[in-house]
Amino acid sequence: MTPITLSLDIEAPLARVWRCFTEPQHIRQWNFAHESWHCPRAEHDLRAEGSFNYRMEARDGSFGFDFAGTFDEILPFERIRYHLGDGRSTTVQFASLGDGRVRVTETFEPEAQNDPEMQKNGWMAILENFRRHVETDRTHVTPDNTVCLMFERDAEAAARFYTGLFANSHLNQISRAPADYPGGKQGDVLVVNFTVAGVACMAINGGPYFKHSEAFSFQIATDSQEETDRYWNAIIDNGGSASDCGWCKDRWGISWQITPRLLTDALALGGDTAQRAFAAMMQMQKIDIATIQAAISRP
């Protein structure tokens, strides 16, 4: 079928437009045609021959599909070409107009099953959604503070484990080395940006030179024994090890405190309540909420 071309101008710097179009945490905010839909998952490997998979779903759960394919060309700040699983291709061009605006032009091959005009309207609605996101949303700004974690070679595996386990977590961006470096070769995964329990993080494959210790840890607050058990057991069962007072260590050496809010609240009260909670905690590895509750309830 005849390719369809769409174009619009966006009032934003080219770098911001590119970042919002290519980073998964932004794609999830605009990649749907109507407010009754959303994009709950966006994953990709942004390089030629890298794959992508963007999940689109009705918010009521009545329907959904994966928009998936392979990148054919990535020219940063200039052009993206990709093809879908059925072979249809799309080209997206980015052109700075020199007046603070960027023109985004999208040319796609429509599918045969649906009316081309309907497809054109749907793709244009998504592109309009993208413009609104770039021009009005401030989440495109790099966080003021990002936790940086060094790994020997498993940055991506670790980030995927963390984001698959903890609530309010997602994988944002995978970047590959532009040249050889002490910890790897050109094209290797170098940096993985992700969010874990709402905290911006960066994992770097830096080789075997830097080791983790308990001097740094994540503290994850929990509200139930089920939640506490789930996080603790997932870390231990994935090659981690148990420690004391709610601490455990994952297979990569990162320390985690899986800490019920009941315990932290009791310790914050001070006095006899804090002493009883503290004494009970000191006997534990994984925190048992019922035992803490019994301890602080004693007269």
Protein backbone atom coordinates (compact mmCIF):
# COMPACT_ATOMS: atom_id res chain seq x y z
CA MET A 1 0.00 0.00 0.00
CA THR A 2 1.03 3.62 -0.51
CA PRO A 3 3.08 4.96 2.44
CA ILE A 4 1.48 7.67 4.57
CA THR A 5 3.48 10.73 5.69
CA LEU A 6 2.66 12.83 8.77
CA SER A 7 4.46 15.92 10.04
CA LEU A 8 4.21 18.44 12.85
CA ASP A 9 6.37 21.09 14.51
CA ILE A 10 7.30 21.01 18.20
CA GLU A 11 8.44 23.99 20.26
CA ALA A 12 11.42 22.44 22.05
CA PRO A 13 15.16 21.90 21.57
CA LEU A 14 16.15 19.02 19.33
CA ALA A 15 17.88 17.18 22.20
CA ARG A 16 14.67 17.20 24.26
CA VAL A 17 12.55 16.02 21.34
CA TRP A 18 14.94 13.16 20.63
CA ARG A 19 15.12 12.15 24.29
CA CYS A 20 11.35 12.12 24.70
CA PHE A 21 10.92 10.07 21.51
CA THR A 22 13.56 7.48 22.34
CA GLU A 23 13.60 6.96 26.12
CA PRO A 24 11.14 4.33 27.39
CA GLN A 25 10.07 6.33 30.45
CA HIS A 26 8.82 9.03 28.06
CA ILE A 27 7.40 6.68 25.44
CA ARG A 28 5.07 5.29 28.11
CA GLN A 29 3.67 8.81 28.61
CA TRP A 30 2.60 9.54 25.02
CA ASN A 31 2.45 6.37 22.89
CA PHE A 32 -1.34 6.01 22.59
CA ALA A 33 -3.98 7.67 20.43
CA HIS A 34 -6.70 8.36 23.00
CA GLU A 35 -6.89 9.00 26.74
CA SER A 36 -8.85 5.77 27.16
CA TRP A 37 -5.65 3.91 26.21
CA HIS A 38 -2.17 3.83 27.71
CA CYS A 39 1.28 2.35 27.15
CA PRO A 40 2.13 0.40 30.32
CA ARG A 41 5.38 -1.06 28.99
CA ALA A 42 8.07 0.19 26.61
CA GLU A 43 11.31 -1.69 26.05
CA HIS A 44 13.90 -1.38 23.32
CA ASP A 45 17.53 -1.76 22.36
CA LEU A 46 18.14 1.51 20.52
CA ARG A 47 20.61 0.49 17.82
CA ALA A 48 20.53 -0.93 14.31
CA GLU A 49 19.25 -4.53 14.52
CA GLY A 50 18.06 -3.89 18.09
CA SER A 51 14.50 -4.87 18.94
CA PHE A 52 11.62 -2.90 20.47
CA ASN A 53 8.33 -3.82 22.11
CA TYR A 54 5.77 -1.22 23.18
CA ARG A 55 2.62 -2.49 24.86
CA MET A 56 -0.61 -0.61 24.09
CA GLU A 57 -3.75 -1.35 26.11
CA ALA A 58 -7.20 0.01 26.78
CA ARG A 59 -7.24 1.36 30.33
CA ASP A 60 -10.23 -0.83 31.19
CA GLY A 61 -8.25 -3.93 30.18
CA SER A 62 -10.66 -4.87 27.39
CA PHE A 63 -8.05 -5.00 24.63
CA GLY A 64 -4.32 -4.66 24.06
CA PHE A 65 -1.50 -5.50 21.69
CA ASP A 66 2.28 -5.39 21.36
CA PHE A 67 3.74 -2.92 18.86
CA ALA A 68 7.03 -4.72 18.18
CA GLY A 69 9.76 -4.82 15.60
CA THR A 70 13.42 -4.16 14.80
CA PHE A 71 15.39 -0.97 14.28
CA ASP A 72 17.10 -0.72 10.89
CA GLU A 73 18.87 2.62 11.34
CA ILE A 74 19.54 4.98 14.23
CA LEU A 75 21.07 8.35 13.38
CA PRO A 76 20.96 10.30 16.68
CA PHE A 77 19.00 13.56 16.50
CA GLU A 78 18.27 12.93 12.81
CA ARG A 79 16.52 9.72 11.78
CA ILE A 80 15.07 6.41 12.99
CA ARG A 81 14.07 3.60 10.65
CA TYR A 82 12.41 0.41 11.78
CA HIS A 83 10.27 -2.45 10.54
CA LEU A 84 7.48 -4.34 12.27
CA GLY A 85 7.08 -8.09 12.57
CA ASP A 86 4.98 -8.19 9.40
CA GLY A 87 7.69 -6.38 7.42
CA ARG A 88 6.04 -2.94 7.22
CA SER A 89 8.57 -0.12 7.60
CA THR A 90 8.52 3.32 9.20
CA THR A 91 10.92 6.26 9.00
CA VAL A 92 10.93 9.11 11.52
CA GLN A 93 12.89 12.27 10.65
CA PHE A 94 13.89 15.03 13.08
CA ALA A 95 14.84 18.45 11.68
CA SER A 96 15.73 21.56 13.68
CA LEU A 97 14.02 24.61 12.13
CA GLY A 98 16.46 27.06 13.72
CA ASP A 99 13.80 29.03 15.59
CA GLY A 100 13.41 26.85 18.68
CA ARG A 101 11.18 24.37 16.86
CA VAL A 102 11.75 20.85 15.59
CA ARG A 103 9.87 19.26 12.71
CA VAL A 104 9.06 15.58 13.18
CA THR A 105 8.09 13.74 10.00
CA GLU A 106 6.83 10.17 10.16
CA THR A 107 6.34 7.97 7.09
CA PHE A 108 4.76 4.55 7.61
CA GLU A 109 3.35 1.73 5.55
CA PRO A 110 -0.29 1.13 6.51
CA GLU A 111 -1.67 -2.33 7.13
CA ALA A 112 -4.15 -3.88 4.69
CA GLN A 113 -6.85 -4.84 7.21
CA ASN A 114 -7.97 -1.35 8.24
CA ASP A 115 -8.94 1.82 6.39
CA PRO A 116 -5.82 3.92 5.60
CA GLU A 117 -7.53 7.14 6.65
CA MET A 118 -8.37 5.65 10.05
CA GLN A 119 -4.75 4.56 10.45
CA LYS A 120 -3.54 8.03 9.44
CA ASN A 121 -5.77 9.63 12.06
CA GLY A 122 -4.61 7.19 14.74
CA TRP A 123 -0.91 7.72 14.04
CA MET A 124 -1.45 11.49 13.92
CA ALA A 125 -3.23 11.40 17.28
CA ILE A 126 -0.19 9.64 18.78
CA LEU A 127 2.13 12.22 17.21
CA GLU A 128 0.00 15.03 18.67
CA ASN A 129 0.16 13.29 22.04
CA PHE A 130 3.94 13.23 21.68
CA ARG A 131 4.04 16.97 20.99
CA ARG A 132 1.96 17.73 24.08
CA HIS A 133 4.25 15.58 26.19
CA VAL A 134 7.41 17.29 24.95
CA GLU A 135 6.05 20.81 25.27
CA THR A 136 4.27 20.56 28.61
CA ASP A 137 5.67 17.67 30.66
CA ARG A 138 8.74 18.21 32.81
CA THR A 139 9.62 14.59 33.49
CA HIS A 140 12.00 14.78 30.53
CA VAL A 141 14.41 16.69 32.76
CA THR A 142 17.32 14.58 33.97
CA PRO A 143 16.84 13.89 37.71
CA ASP A 144 18.85 16.11 40.05
CA ASN A 145 20.21 13.02 41.81
CA THR A 146 20.80 9.55 40.37
CA VAL A 147 22.20 6.57 42.26
CA CYS A 148 25.09 5.08 40.25
CA LEU A 149 25.88 1.38 40.72
CA MET A 150 28.94 -0.34 39.24
CA PHE A 151 28.76 -3.91 37.94
CA GLU A 152 31.36 -6.14 36.38
CA ARG A 153 29.21 -7.11 33.38
CA ASP A 154 25.62 -7.71 34.55
CA ALA A 155 24.19 -4.17 34.64
CA GLU A 156 21.27 -5.04 32.37
CA ALA A 157 20.45 -8.33 34.13
CA ALA A 158 20.50 -6.61 37.52
CA ALA A 159 18.33 -3.71 36.35
CA ARG A 160 15.80 -6.11 34.84
CA PHE A 161 15.68 -8.11 38.07
CA TYR A 162 15.14 -5.03 40.25
CA THR A 163 12.50 -3.46 37.98
CA GLY A 164 10.66 -6.76 37.71
CA LEU A 165 10.56 -7.20 41.48
CA PHE A 166 9.82 -3.87 43.13
CA ALA A 167 6.72 -1.73 42.69
CA ASN A 168 7.06 1.70 41.06
CA SER A 169 10.06 0.49 39.04
CA HIS A 170 10.82 0.46 35.34
CA LEU A 171 13.65 0.12 32.85
CA ASN A 172 14.35 3.44 31.13
CA GLN A 173 17.30 3.27 28.75
CA ILE A 174 20.07 0.91 27.67
CA SER A 175 23.18 2.54 26.17
CA ARG A 176 26.03 0.75 24.45
CA ALA A 177 29.71 1.67 24.49
CA PRO A 178 30.66 3.88 21.52
CA ALA A 179 34.25 2.57 21.69
CA ASP A 180 36.37 0.01 23.55
CA TYR A 181 36.87 0.80 27.24
CA PRO A 182 38.68 -0.86 30.18
CA GLY A 183 35.63 -2.92 31.16
CA GLY A 184 34.46 -4.00 27.70
CA LYS A 185 34.29 -3.56 23.95
CA GLN A 186 32.55 -1.23 21.55
CA GLY A 187 28.89 -2.21 21.29
CA ASP A 188 28.70 -3.82 24.73
CA VAL A 189 25.97 -2.68 27.10
CA LEU A 190 27.65 0.09 29.09
CA VAL A 191 24.95 2.05 30.95
CA VAL A 192 21.43 1.06 32.00
CA ASN A 193 19.16 3.78 33.37
CA PHE A 194 16.27 2.53 35.46
CA THR A 195 13.99 3.46 38.33
CA VAL A 196 13.63 1.22 41.38
CA ALA A 197 10.92 1.94 43.94
CA GLY A 198 10.73 5.51 42.62
CA VAL A 199 14.50 6.16 42.83
CA ALA A 200 16.44 7.08 39.67
CA CYS A 201 19.40 4.72 39.19
CA MET A 202 22.18 4.13 36.72
CA ALA A 203 23.97 0.79 36.37
CA ILE A 204 27.38 0.76 34.68
CA ASN A 205 29.33 -2.22 33.38
CA GLY A 206 32.74 -1.14 34.61
CA GLY A 207 34.66 -4.39 34.81
CA PRO A 208 36.01 -6.15 37.93
CA TYR A 209 37.62 -3.09 39.49
CA PHE A 210 35.03 -1.80 41.98
CA LYS A 211 33.23 -3.91 44.60
CA HIS A 212 30.04 -3.29 46.55
CA SER A 213 29.83 -3.27 50.34
CA GLU A 214 27.24 -2.76 53.08
CA ALA A 215 28.39 0.86 53.27
CA PHE A 216 25.65 1.46 50.70
CA SER A 217 22.21 -0.16 50.71
CA PHE A 218 18.64 0.34 49.51
CA GLN A 219 15.95 0.35 52.19
CA ILE A 220 12.60 -0.92 50.90
CA ALA A 221 9.59 -0.15 53.11
CA THR A 222 6.89 -2.82 53.31
CA ASP A 223 3.34 -2.85 54.67
CA SER A 224 2.72 -6.56 55.22
CA GLN A 225 4.45 -9.85 55.93
CA GLU A 226 3.49 -11.06 52.46
CA GLU A 227 5.26 -8.12 50.85
CA THR A 228 8.28 -8.51 53.14
CA ASP A 229 8.52 -12.23 52.35
CA ARG A 230 8.12 -11.68 48.63
CA TYR A 231 10.99 -9.19 48.31
CA TRP A 232 13.28 -11.03 50.72
CA ASN A 233 12.70 -14.45 49.21
CA ALA A 234 13.11 -13.18 45.64
CA ILE A 235 16.53 -11.74 46.45
CA ILE A 236 17.70 -14.80 48.36
CA ASP A 237 16.33 -17.28 45.81
CA ASN A 238 18.09 -15.41 42.99
CA GLY A 239 21.54 -16.18 44.38
CA GLY A 240 21.53 -13.69 47.25
CA SER A 241 22.36 -14.20 50.90
CA ALA A 242 20.66 -13.39 54.20
CA SER A 243 22.10 -11.11 56.83
CA ASP A 244 20.77 -9.71 60.12
CA CYS A 245 18.12 -7.17 61.09
CA GLY A 246 16.26 -7.25 57.80
CA TRP A 247 19.35 -6.94 55.63
CA CYS A 248 20.15 -9.20 52.69
CA LYS A 249 22.53 -9.08 49.78
CA ASP A 250 21.68 -9.84 46.14
CA ARG A 251 23.78 -11.96 43.79
CA TRP A 252 25.68 -8.87 42.58
CA GLY A 253 26.65 -7.74 46.07
CA ILE A 254 24.11 -4.91 46.48
CA SER A 255 22.68 -4.76 50.00
CA TRP A 256 18.95 -4.36 50.64
CA GLN A 257 17.07 -3.60 53.85
CA ILE A 258 13.58 -5.09 53.58
CA THR A 259 11.99 -3.15 56.42
CA PRO A 260 8.33 -3.15 57.51
CA ARG A 261 7.02 0.33 58.29
CA LEU A 262 5.79 -1.01 61.63
CA LEU A 263 9.42 -1.45 62.67
CA THR A 264 10.69 1.94 61.51
CA ASP A 265 7.69 3.67 63.09
CA ALA A 266 8.30 1.88 66.40
CA LEU A 267 11.99 2.79 66.41
CA ALA A 268 11.12 6.42 65.68
CA LEU A 269 8.90 6.61 68.77
CA GLY A 270 11.88 6.20 71.09
CA GLY A 271 11.59 5.17 74.72
CA ASP A 272 10.47 1.72 75.85
CA THR A 273 8.63 1.00 72.59
CA ALA A 274 11.76 1.56 70.52
CA GLN A 275 13.84 -0.53 72.93
CA ARG A 276 11.46 -3.49 72.70
CA ALA A 277 11.25 -3.26 68.91
CA PHE A 278 15.03 -2.96 68.66
CA ALA A 279 15.63 -5.96 70.92
CA ALA A 280 13.23 -8.09 68.86
CA MET A 281 14.81 -6.97 65.60
CA MET A 282 18.32 -7.87 66.79
CA GLN A 283 17.28 -11.54 66.96
CA MET A 284 16.07 -11.67 63.37
CA GLN A 285 17.34 -12.01 59.85
CA LYS A 286 14.14 -11.48 57.84
CA ILE A 287 11.83 -9.23 59.87
CA ASP A 288 8.76 -10.95 61.32
CA ILE A 289 6.02 -8.36 61.73
CA ALA A 290 3.95 -10.39 64.21
CA THR A 291 6.95 -10.72 66.56
CA ILE A 292 7.68 -6.98 66.33
CA GLN A 293 4.02 -6.23 67.01
CA ALA A 294 3.98 -8.52 70.03
CA ALA A 295 7.14 -6.90 71.38
CA ILE A 296 5.89 -3.32 71.15
CA SER A 297 2.46 -4.28 72.52
CA ARG A 298 3.84 -5.60 75.80
CA PRO A 299 3.16 -3.26 78.75
